[in-house]
Each structure stands twice: as C-alpha cells, then as structure tokens.
Amino acid sequence: MDEKTRARLILKALESRFEVPDLSEIADDPFKVLVRTIISQSTAGINTRRAYENLSRKMLLTPKSLAEADVKEIEDALFVAGLYRNKSRVIKKVSQMIIQEFNGSLDFIYSKPLKEARKKLLSLPGVGPKTADIVLLFCAKRPVLPVDTHVNRVSKRLGLVPPEADYEKIREVLQSLYLPKEYFKVHMLFISLGRKICRAGRPKHDECPANHLCPSSHA
C-alpha cells in the first residue's frame, strides 16, 4: 500500500483508541499559549499544569505584567517545573520583547503570511520551531504540524519519516501525508500514543492500535 493510505489507516487506528481534546479548551490567547509552551519544555504535563496555574494565580498573564514582574516572583511560581530559573528569565525577556518589537501583542499570527508570522515568533528568545508552530496551529489554526519529542519518536517508529529526519523534515513529510484540517488531530494522537504506548524505553507493541501498520513492531 502507498504511504498516504498507510498514514490514513494509522490515524484511523489511533482515533479508535485515543480521544482528541477540544482545541477551544487548549487554545487561549496566543501569549498564554506561548508562556505555557515555554514552561512545558523538558517538563512533565502535570508539572507544566501546576506551574502554569501557580503563575496565573500570582499575576496577570499579559506581556506587561510579566515584563514588569520581579524574576524571583516568576521563579517561585515555576519552581515545580524543570529548568524553572532559565524559563523565568526567558518568559520575562519574551514579554519585554513582545512589548518592544510587537506593540505588546501577538496578533500578527492571525494576519501576517504564515512564513512571516513564524519568523517573527522564532525571533523571540526561547522560542524554537515547536513552540512557534504550537502557537500558530492552536491559536490561529495555521496549517503547521508541531513536532515534539513524542511526535518525533512515533513518526520514526511508524516508518512515516526517515530515522535521521530533523524537525523540518518530519514536519514537511507529515504535512504532506495528512490534510491541514487533520494537523491538530495528528499532533495530539501521536502524543497520546507516545506517552502511553510508544514510549522511549520499551514500546508496548502488543497494546498499540497501529501495531499491524508499524514496521518497528515486526523488526
């Protein structure tokens, strides 16, 4: 069977096992999504949530509020997250730059051409391709497919992308295999598979709904 057909069957198999969250419940305003995504870097989901909630209780999650905040206050809120000191400095610097460079708003993600909007996001400290693409997809529904650690591992084990593929290559291949309206679904389902079954150490091939479509399970 051709790769697009196999990719579609994989997606259907994952949909039969995992739920896709409601995008409206995840995507708040782009600045909040940006802050939460920075917090999530190298941090477990439960600790990301706790740190984000701590921060939102301490102060308004706006560029102005965080730009003016004492970095120690931000650190206290993010203590449960990994690399909290570095993330606190990054969040404060990002907030200052958004005020200085973008008039305090990320609304350009809705109106600028995709490449330009992505380039602007990538110009911010601590914002790499995954973080930029999450903001673009989740908030502005732009046709990009973010590649996190789980999406990277799962797409390679499923044989959808070459083992040596980097971020941009993985994104390019997955975007060619799926429709833009499916990008959020693919992103979330691959993450669910990676977290619960296709783990880094020992994948549970016998529990995988896409086992029959995965070359790694028969290697």
C-alpha atoms as a PDB file:
ATOM      1  CA  MET A   1       0.000   0.000   0.000  1.00  0.00           C
ATOM      2  CA  ASP A   2       1.177   3.547  -0.617  1.00  0.00           C
ATOM      3  CA  GLU A   3       2.330   5.792   2.247  1.00  0.00           C
ATOM      4  CA  LYS A   4      -0.672   8.116   2.216  1.00  0.00           C
ATOM      5  CA  THR A   5      -3.024   5.162   2.570  1.00  0.00           C
ATOM      6  CA  ARG A   6      -0.958   3.694   5.410  1.00  0.00           C
ATOM      7  CA  ALA A   7      -0.795   7.092   7.107  1.00  0.00           C
ATOM      8  CA  ARG A   8      -4.580   7.417   6.943  1.00  0.00           C
ATOM      9  CA  LEU A   9      -5.056   3.919   8.376  1.00  0.00           C
ATOM     10  CA  ILE A  10      -2.661   4.740  11.209  1.00  0.00           C
ATOM     11  CA  LEU A  11      -4.645   7.870  12.029  1.00  0.00           C
ATOM     12  CA  LYS A  12      -7.914   5.922  11.973  1.00  0.00           C
ATOM     13  CA  ALA A  13      -6.429   3.272  14.288  1.00  0.00           C
ATOM     14  CA  LEU A  14      -5.261   5.919  16.766  1.00  0.00           C
ATOM     15  CA  GLU A  15      -8.659   7.641  16.693  1.00  0.00           C
ATOM     16  CA  SER A  16     -10.248   4.347  17.736  1.00  0.00           C
ATOM     17  CA  ARG A  17      -8.145   4.265  20.916  1.00  0.00           C
ATOM     18  CA  PHE A  18      -7.450   7.849  21.983  1.00  0.00           C
ATOM     19  CA  GLU A  19      -9.572  10.967  22.364  1.00  0.00           C
ATOM     20  CA  VAL A  20      -8.668  14.216  20.672  1.00  0.00           C
ATOM     21  CA  PRO A  21      -9.067  17.161  23.073  1.00  0.00           C
ATOM     22  CA  ASP A  22     -11.253  20.093  22.173  1.00  0.00           C
ATOM     23  CA  LEU A  23      -8.959  22.716  20.655  1.00  0.00           C
ATOM     24  CA  SER A  24     -11.054  25.532  22.142  1.00  0.00           C
ATOM     25  CA  GLU A  25     -10.236  24.217  25.637  1.00  0.00           C
ATOM     26  CA  ILE A  26      -6.483  24.272  24.935  1.00  0.00           C
ATOM     27  CA  ALA A  27      -6.079  27.434  22.908  1.00  0.00           C
ATOM     28  CA  ASP A  28      -6.464  30.571  24.951  1.00  0.00           C
ATOM     29  CA  ASP A  29      -4.908  33.817  23.768  1.00  0.00           C
ATOM     30  CA  PRO A  30      -1.577  33.332  21.959  1.00  0.00           C
ATOM     31  CA  PHE A  31       0.535  34.905  24.688  1.00  0.00           C
ATOM     32  CA  LYS A  32      -0.806  32.479  27.296  1.00  0.00           C
ATOM     33  CA  VAL A  33      -0.250  29.552  24.957  1.00  0.00           C
ATOM     34  CA  LEU A  34       3.296  30.789  24.347  1.00  0.00           C
ATOM     35  CA  VAL A  35       4.015  31.042  28.087  1.00  0.00           C
ATOM     36  CA  ARG A  36       2.554  27.612  28.788  1.00  0.00           C
ATOM     37  CA  THR A  37       4.555  26.042  25.957  1.00  0.00           C
ATOM     38  CA  ILE A  38       7.794  27.580  27.243  1.00  0.00           C
ATOM     39  CA  ILE A  39       7.008  26.169  30.695  1.00  0.00           C
ATOM     40  CA  SER A  40       6.333  22.727  29.161  1.00  0.00           C
ATOM     41  CA  GLN A  41       9.821  22.391  27.670  1.00  0.00           C
ATOM     42  CA  SER A  42      11.561  19.357  29.271  1.00  0.00           C
ATOM     43  CA  THR A  43       8.763  19.160  31.848  1.00  0.00           C
ATOM     44  CA  ALA A  44       6.087  16.535  32.531  1.00  0.00           C
ATOM     45  CA  GLY A  45       2.495  17.513  31.754  1.00  0.00           C
ATOM     46  CA  ILE A  46       1.328  17.505  35.368  1.00  0.00           C
ATOM     47  CA  ASN A  47       4.165  19.810  36.469  1.00  0.00           C
ATOM     48  CA  THR A  48       3.582  22.101  33.486  1.00  0.00           C
ATOM     49  CA  ARG A  49      -0.036  22.465  34.539  1.00  0.00           C
ATOM     50  CA  ARG A  50       0.852  23.126  38.182  1.00  0.00           C
ATOM     51  CA  ALA A  51       3.491  25.707  37.287  1.00  0.00           C
ATOM     52  CA  TYR A  52       1.193  27.491  34.834  1.00  0.00           C
ATOM     53  CA  GLU A  53      -1.628  27.587  37.391  1.00  0.00           C
ATOM     54  CA  ASN A  54       0.762  28.902  40.052  1.00  0.00           C
ATOM     55  CA  LEU A  55       1.886  31.672  37.718  1.00  0.00           C
ATOM     56  CA  SER A  56      -1.652  32.619  36.708  1.00  0.00           C
ATOM     57  CA  ARG A  57      -2.651  32.892  40.374  1.00  0.00           C
ATOM     58  CA  LYS A  58       0.317  35.136  41.178  1.00  0.00           C
ATOM     59  CA  MET A  59      -0.056  37.630  38.337  1.00  0.00           C
ATOM     60  CA  LEU A  60      -1.887  38.545  35.176  1.00  0.00           C
ATOM     61  CA  LEU A  61      -0.577  36.582  32.213  1.00  0.00           C
ATOM     62  CA  THR A  62      -0.002  39.550  29.954  1.00  0.00           C
ATOM     63  CA  PRO A  63       3.209  40.834  28.373  1.00  0.00           C
ATOM     64  CA  LYS A  64       3.071  43.992  30.505  1.00  0.00           C
ATOM     65  CA  SER A  65       2.553  42.166  33.790  1.00  0.00           C
ATOM     66  CA  LEU A  66       5.309  39.612  33.189  1.00  0.00           C
ATOM     67  CA  ALA A  67       7.711  42.165  31.723  1.00  0.00           C
ATOM     68  CA  GLU A  68       7.425  44.237  34.899  1.00  0.00           C
ATOM     69  CA  ALA A  69       7.416  41.301  37.335  1.00  0.00           C
ATOM     70  CA  ASP A  70      10.374  40.530  39.580  1.00  0.00           C
ATOM     71  CA  VAL A  71      12.011  37.440  38.082  1.00  0.00           C
ATOM     72  CA  LYS A  72      12.086  35.905  41.593  1.00  0.00           C
ATOM     73  CA  GLU A  73       8.286  36.003  41.667  1.00  0.00           C
ATOM     74  CA  ILE A  74       8.141  34.121  38.386  1.00  0.00           C
ATOM     75  CA  GLU A  75      10.701  31.604  39.688  1.00  0.00           C
ATOM     76  CA  ASP A  76       8.633  30.958  42.813  1.00  0.00           C
ATOM     77  CA  ALA A  77       5.614  30.149  40.650  1.00  0.00           C
ATOM     78  CA  LEU A  78       7.542  27.915  38.262  1.00  0.00           C
ATOM     79  CA  PHE A  79       9.528  26.055  40.911  1.00  0.00           C
ATOM     80  CA  VAL A  80       7.740  22.737  40.185  1.00  0.00           C
ATOM     81  CA  ALA A  81       8.762  22.895  36.514  1.00  0.00           C
ATOM     82  CA  GLY A  82      12.119  21.776  35.173  1.00  0.00           C
ATOM     83  CA  LEU A  83      14.741  24.452  34.472  1.00  0.00           C
ATOM     84  CA  TYR A  84      12.486  26.958  36.231  1.00  0.00           C
ATOM     85  CA  ARG A  85      15.161  29.645  36.674  1.00  0.00           C
ATOM     86  CA  ASN A  86      16.039  29.715  32.998  1.00  0.00           C
ATOM     87  CA  LYS A  87      12.366  29.616  31.960  1.00  0.00           C
ATOM     88  CA  SER A  88      11.569  32.518  34.301  1.00  0.00           C
ATOM     89  CA  ARG A  89      14.244  34.693  32.706  1.00  0.00           C
ATOM     90  CA  VAL A  90      13.093  33.669  29.215  1.00  0.00           C
ATOM     91  CA  ILE A  91       9.436  34.455  29.940  1.00  0.00           C
ATOM     92  CA  LYS A  92      10.338  37.885  31.311  1.00  0.00           C
ATOM     93  CA  LYS A  93      12.589  38.635  28.311  1.00  0.00           C
ATOM     94  CA  VAL A  94       9.975  37.371  25.823  1.00  0.00           C
ATOM     95  CA  SER A  95       7.365  39.616  27.452  1.00  0.00           C
ATOM     96  CA  GLN A  96       9.667  42.631  27.191  1.00  0.00           C
ATOM     97  CA  MET A  97      10.436  41.908  23.534  1.00  0.00           C
ATOM     98  CA  ILE A  98       6.766  41.489  22.634  1.00  0.00           C
ATOM     99  CA  ILE A  99       6.157  44.965  24.045  1.00  0.00           C
ATOM    100  CA  GLN A 100       9.209  46.484  22.343  1.00  0.00           C
ATOM    101  CA  GLU A 101       9.005  44.730  18.972  1.00  0.00           C
ATOM    102  CA  PHE A 102       5.323  43.866  18.519  1.00  0.00           C
ATOM    103  CA  ASN A 103       3.474  46.601  20.413  1.00  0.00           C
ATOM    104  CA  GLY A 104       2.565  44.200  23.216  1.00  0.00           C
ATOM    105  CA  SER A 105       0.592  41.796  21.054  1.00  0.00           C
ATOM    106  CA  LEU A 106       0.996  38.552  19.115  1.00  0.00           C
ATOM    107  CA  ASP A 107      -1.996  39.301  16.906  1.00  0.00           C
ATOM    108  CA  PHE A 108       0.261  39.224  13.847  1.00  0.00           C
ATOM    109  CA  ILE A 109      -0.111  35.417  13.886  1.00  0.00           C
ATOM    110  CA  TYR A 110      -3.636  35.891  12.540  1.00  0.00           C
ATOM    111  CA  SER A 111      -2.911  38.384   9.774  1.00  0.00           C
ATOM    112  CA  LYS A 112       0.670  38.041   8.551  1.00  0.00           C
ATOM    113  CA  PRO A 113       1.628  35.452   5.905  1.00  0.00           C
ATOM    114  CA  LEU A 114       2.497  32.172   7.599  1.00  0.00           C
ATOM    115  CA  LYS A 115       6.248  32.333   6.896  1.00  0.00           C
ATOM    116  CA  GLU A 116       6.478  35.877   8.194  1.00  0.00           C
ATOM    117  CA  ALA A 117       4.431  35.129  11.314  1.00  0.00           C
ATOM    118  CA  ARG A 118       6.579  32.060  12.038  1.00  0.00           C
ATOM    119  CA  LYS A 119       9.777  34.070  11.535  1.00  0.00           C
ATOM    120  CA  LYS A 120       8.590  36.721  13.986  1.00  0.00           C
ATOM    121  CA  LEU A 121       7.812  34.108  16.634  1.00  0.00           C
ATOM    122  CA  LEU A 122      11.182  32.436  16.099  1.00  0.00           C
ATOM    123  CA  SER A 123      12.903  35.765  16.717  1.00  0.00           C
ATOM    124  CA  LEU A 124      11.795  35.624  20.360  1.00  0.00           C
ATOM    125  CA  PRO A 125      14.247  34.161  22.921  1.00  0.00           C
ATOM    126  CA  GLY A 126      13.461  30.605  23.973  1.00  0.00           C
ATOM    127  CA  VAL A 127      11.054  30.115  21.072  1.00  0.00           C
ATOM    128  CA  GLY A 128      12.050  27.280  18.765  1.00  0.00           C
ATOM    129  CA  PRO A 129      10.142  25.714  15.875  1.00  0.00           C
ATOM    130  CA  LYS A 130       7.918  23.520  18.062  1.00  0.00           C
ATOM    131  CA  THR A 131       6.834  26.406  20.288  1.00  0.00           C
ATOM    132  CA  ALA A 132       6.203  28.696  17.311  1.00  0.00           C
ATOM    133  CA  ASP A 133       4.208  26.032  15.487  1.00  0.00           C
ATOM    134  CA  ILE A 134       2.072  25.265  18.538  1.00  0.00           C
ATOM    135  CA  VAL A 135       1.094  28.930  18.839  1.00  0.00           C
ATOM    136  CA  LEU A 136       0.363  29.140  15.107  1.00  0.00           C
ATOM    137  CA  LEU A 137      -1.711  25.949  14.976  1.00  0.00           C
ATOM    138  CA  PHE A 138      -3.511  26.114  18.310  1.00  0.00           C
ATOM    139  CA  CYS A 139      -4.387  29.805  18.286  1.00  0.00           C
ATOM    140  CA  ALA A 140      -4.524  30.878  14.650  1.00  0.00           C
ATOM    141  CA  LYS A 141      -5.283  27.454  13.143  1.00  0.00           C
ATOM    142  CA  ARG A 142      -2.474  27.962  10.649  1.00  0.00           C
ATOM    143  CA  PRO A 143      -1.508  24.867   8.591  1.00  0.00           C
ATOM    144  CA  VAL A 144       1.555  23.733  10.528  1.00  0.00           C
ATOM    145  CA  LEU A 145       2.105  20.439  12.359  1.00  0.00           C
ATOM    146  CA  PRO A 146       4.214  20.851  15.523  1.00  0.00           C
ATOM    147  CA  VAL A 147       6.773  18.117  16.200  1.00  0.00           C
ATOM    148  CA  ASP A 148       7.500  17.438  19.852  1.00  0.00           C
ATOM    149  CA  THR A 149       9.534  14.566  21.332  1.00  0.00           C
ATOM    150  CA  HIS A 150       6.633  12.125  21.072  1.00  0.00           C
ATOM    151  CA  VAL A 151       5.691  13.065  17.505  1.00  0.00           C
ATOM    152  CA  ASN A 152       9.356  12.704  16.530  1.00  0.00           C
ATOM    153  CA  ARG A 153       9.698   9.229  18.060  1.00  0.00           C
ATOM    154  CA  VAL A 154       6.316   7.898  16.941  1.00  0.00           C
ATOM    155  CA  SER A 155       6.589   9.087  13.340  1.00  0.00           C
ATOM    156  CA  LYS A 156      10.020   7.442  13.028  1.00  0.00           C
ATOM    157  CA  ARG A 157       8.965   4.162  14.630  1.00  0.00           C
ATOM    158  CA  LEU A 158       5.934   4.023  12.366  1.00  0.00           C
ATOM    159  CA  GLY A 159       8.269   4.452   9.411  1.00  0.00           C
ATOM    160  CA  LEU A 160       6.475   7.580   8.217  1.00  0.00           C
ATOM    161  CA  VAL A 161       9.706   9.604   8.196  1.00  0.00           C
ATOM    162  CA  PRO A 162      13.386   8.624   7.831  1.00  0.00           C
ATOM    163  CA  PRO A 163      15.234   7.775  11.088  1.00  0.00           C
ATOM    164  CA  GLU A 164      17.661  10.659  10.578  1.00  0.00           C
ATOM    165  CA  ALA A 165      14.990  13.271   9.782  1.00  0.00           C
ATOM    166  CA  ASP A 166      15.281  16.594  11.632  1.00  0.00           C
ATOM    167  CA  TYR A 167      12.422  18.803  12.823  1.00  0.00           C
ATOM    168  CA  GLU A 168      11.722  20.485   9.493  1.00  0.00           C
ATOM    169  CA  LYS A 169      11.906  17.243   7.527  1.00  0.00           C
ATOM    170  CA  ILE A 170       9.493  15.491   9.895  1.00  0.00           C
ATOM    171  CA  ARG A 171       7.081  18.418   9.719  1.00  0.00           C
ATOM    172  CA  GLU A 172       7.305  18.565   5.923  1.00  0.00           C
ATOM    173  CA  VAL A 173       6.663  14.825   5.480  1.00  0.00           C
ATOM    174  CA  LEU A 174       3.782  14.629   7.961  1.00  0.00           C
ATOM    175  CA  GLN A 175       2.153  17.705   6.421  1.00  0.00           C
ATOM    176  CA  SER A 176       2.344  16.017   3.020  1.00  0.00           C
ATOM    177  CA  LEU A 177       0.710  12.825   4.337  1.00  0.00           C
ATOM    178  CA  TYR A 178      -2.204  14.471   6.130  1.00  0.00           C
ATOM    179  CA  LEU A 179      -4.698  17.229   5.378  1.00  0.00           C
ATOM    180  CA  PRO A 180      -4.273  20.634   7.071  1.00  0.00           C
ATOM    181  CA  LYS A 181      -7.565  20.136   8.924  1.00  0.00           C
ATOM    182  CA  GLU A 182      -6.042  16.986  10.454  1.00  0.00           C
ATOM    183  CA  TYR A 183      -2.802  18.519  11.724  1.00  0.00           C
ATOM    184  CA  PHE A 184      -4.065  19.179  15.260  1.00  0.00           C
ATOM    185  CA  LYS A 185      -5.549  15.692  15.450  1.00  0.00           C
ATOM    186  CA  VAL A 186      -2.326  14.066  14.214  1.00  0.00           C
ATOM    187  CA  HIS A 187      -0.266  16.100  16.677  1.00  0.00           C
ATOM    188  CA  MET A 188      -2.417  15.157  19.673  1.00  0.00           C
ATOM    189  CA  LEU A 189      -2.912  11.481  18.750  1.00  0.00           C
ATOM    190  CA  PHE A 190       0.799  10.907  18.142  1.00  0.00           C
ATOM    191  CA  ILE A 191       1.494  12.478  21.536  1.00  0.00           C
ATOM    192  CA  SER A 192      -1.056  10.176  23.209  1.00  0.00           C
ATOM    193  CA  LEU A 193       0.486   7.145  21.533  1.00  0.00           C
ATOM    194  CA  GLY A 194       3.990   8.259  22.546  1.00  0.00           C
ATOM    195  CA  ARG A 195       3.060   8.909  26.164  1.00  0.00           C
ATOM    196  CA  LYS A 196       1.022   5.802  26.800  1.00  0.00           C
ATOM    197  CA  ILE A 197       2.323   3.070  24.496  1.00  0.00           C
ATOM    198  CA  CYS A 198       5.169   4.007  22.146  1.00  0.00           C
ATOM    199  CA  ARG A 199       7.497   5.022  24.965  1.00  0.00           C
ATOM    200  CA  ALA A 200      11.144   5.877  24.553  1.00  0.00           C
ATOM    201  CA  GLY A 201      12.480   2.951  26.559  1.00  0.00           C
ATOM    202  CA  ARG A 202      10.247  -0.011  25.882  1.00  0.00           C
ATOM    203  CA  PRO A 203       7.325   0.399  23.472  1.00  0.00           C
ATOM    204  CA  LYS A 204       4.278  -1.751  24.229  1.00  0.00           C
ATOM    205  CA  HIS A 205       3.817  -3.193  20.741  1.00  0.00           C
ATOM    206  CA  ASP A 206       1.106  -5.609  21.866  1.00  0.00           C
ATOM    207  CA  GLU A 207      -1.047  -2.698  23.099  1.00  0.00           C
ATOM    208  CA  CYS A 208      -0.577  -0.457  20.060  1.00  0.00           C
ATOM    209  CA  PRO A 209      -3.700   0.068  17.919  1.00  0.00           C
ATOM    210  CA  ALA A 210      -1.431   0.658  14.881  1.00  0.00           C
ATOM    211  CA  ASN A 211       0.683  -2.446  15.534  1.00  0.00           C
ATOM    212  CA  HIS A 212      -0.320  -4.081  12.244  1.00  0.00           C
ATOM    213  CA  LEU A 213       0.820  -0.970  10.348  1.00  0.00           C
ATOM    214  CA  CYS A 214       4.113  -0.461  12.186  1.00  0.00           C
ATOM    215  CA  PRO A 215       7.386  -1.848  10.784  1.00  0.00           C
ATOM    216  CA  SER A 216       9.089  -1.456  14.179  1.00  0.00           C
ATOM    217  CA  SER A 217       6.751  -3.943  15.844  1.00  0.00           C
ATOM    218  CA  HIS A 218       7.830  -6.682  13.428  1.00  0.00           C
ATOM    219  CA  ALA A 219      11.552  -5.844  13.354  1.00  0.00           C
END
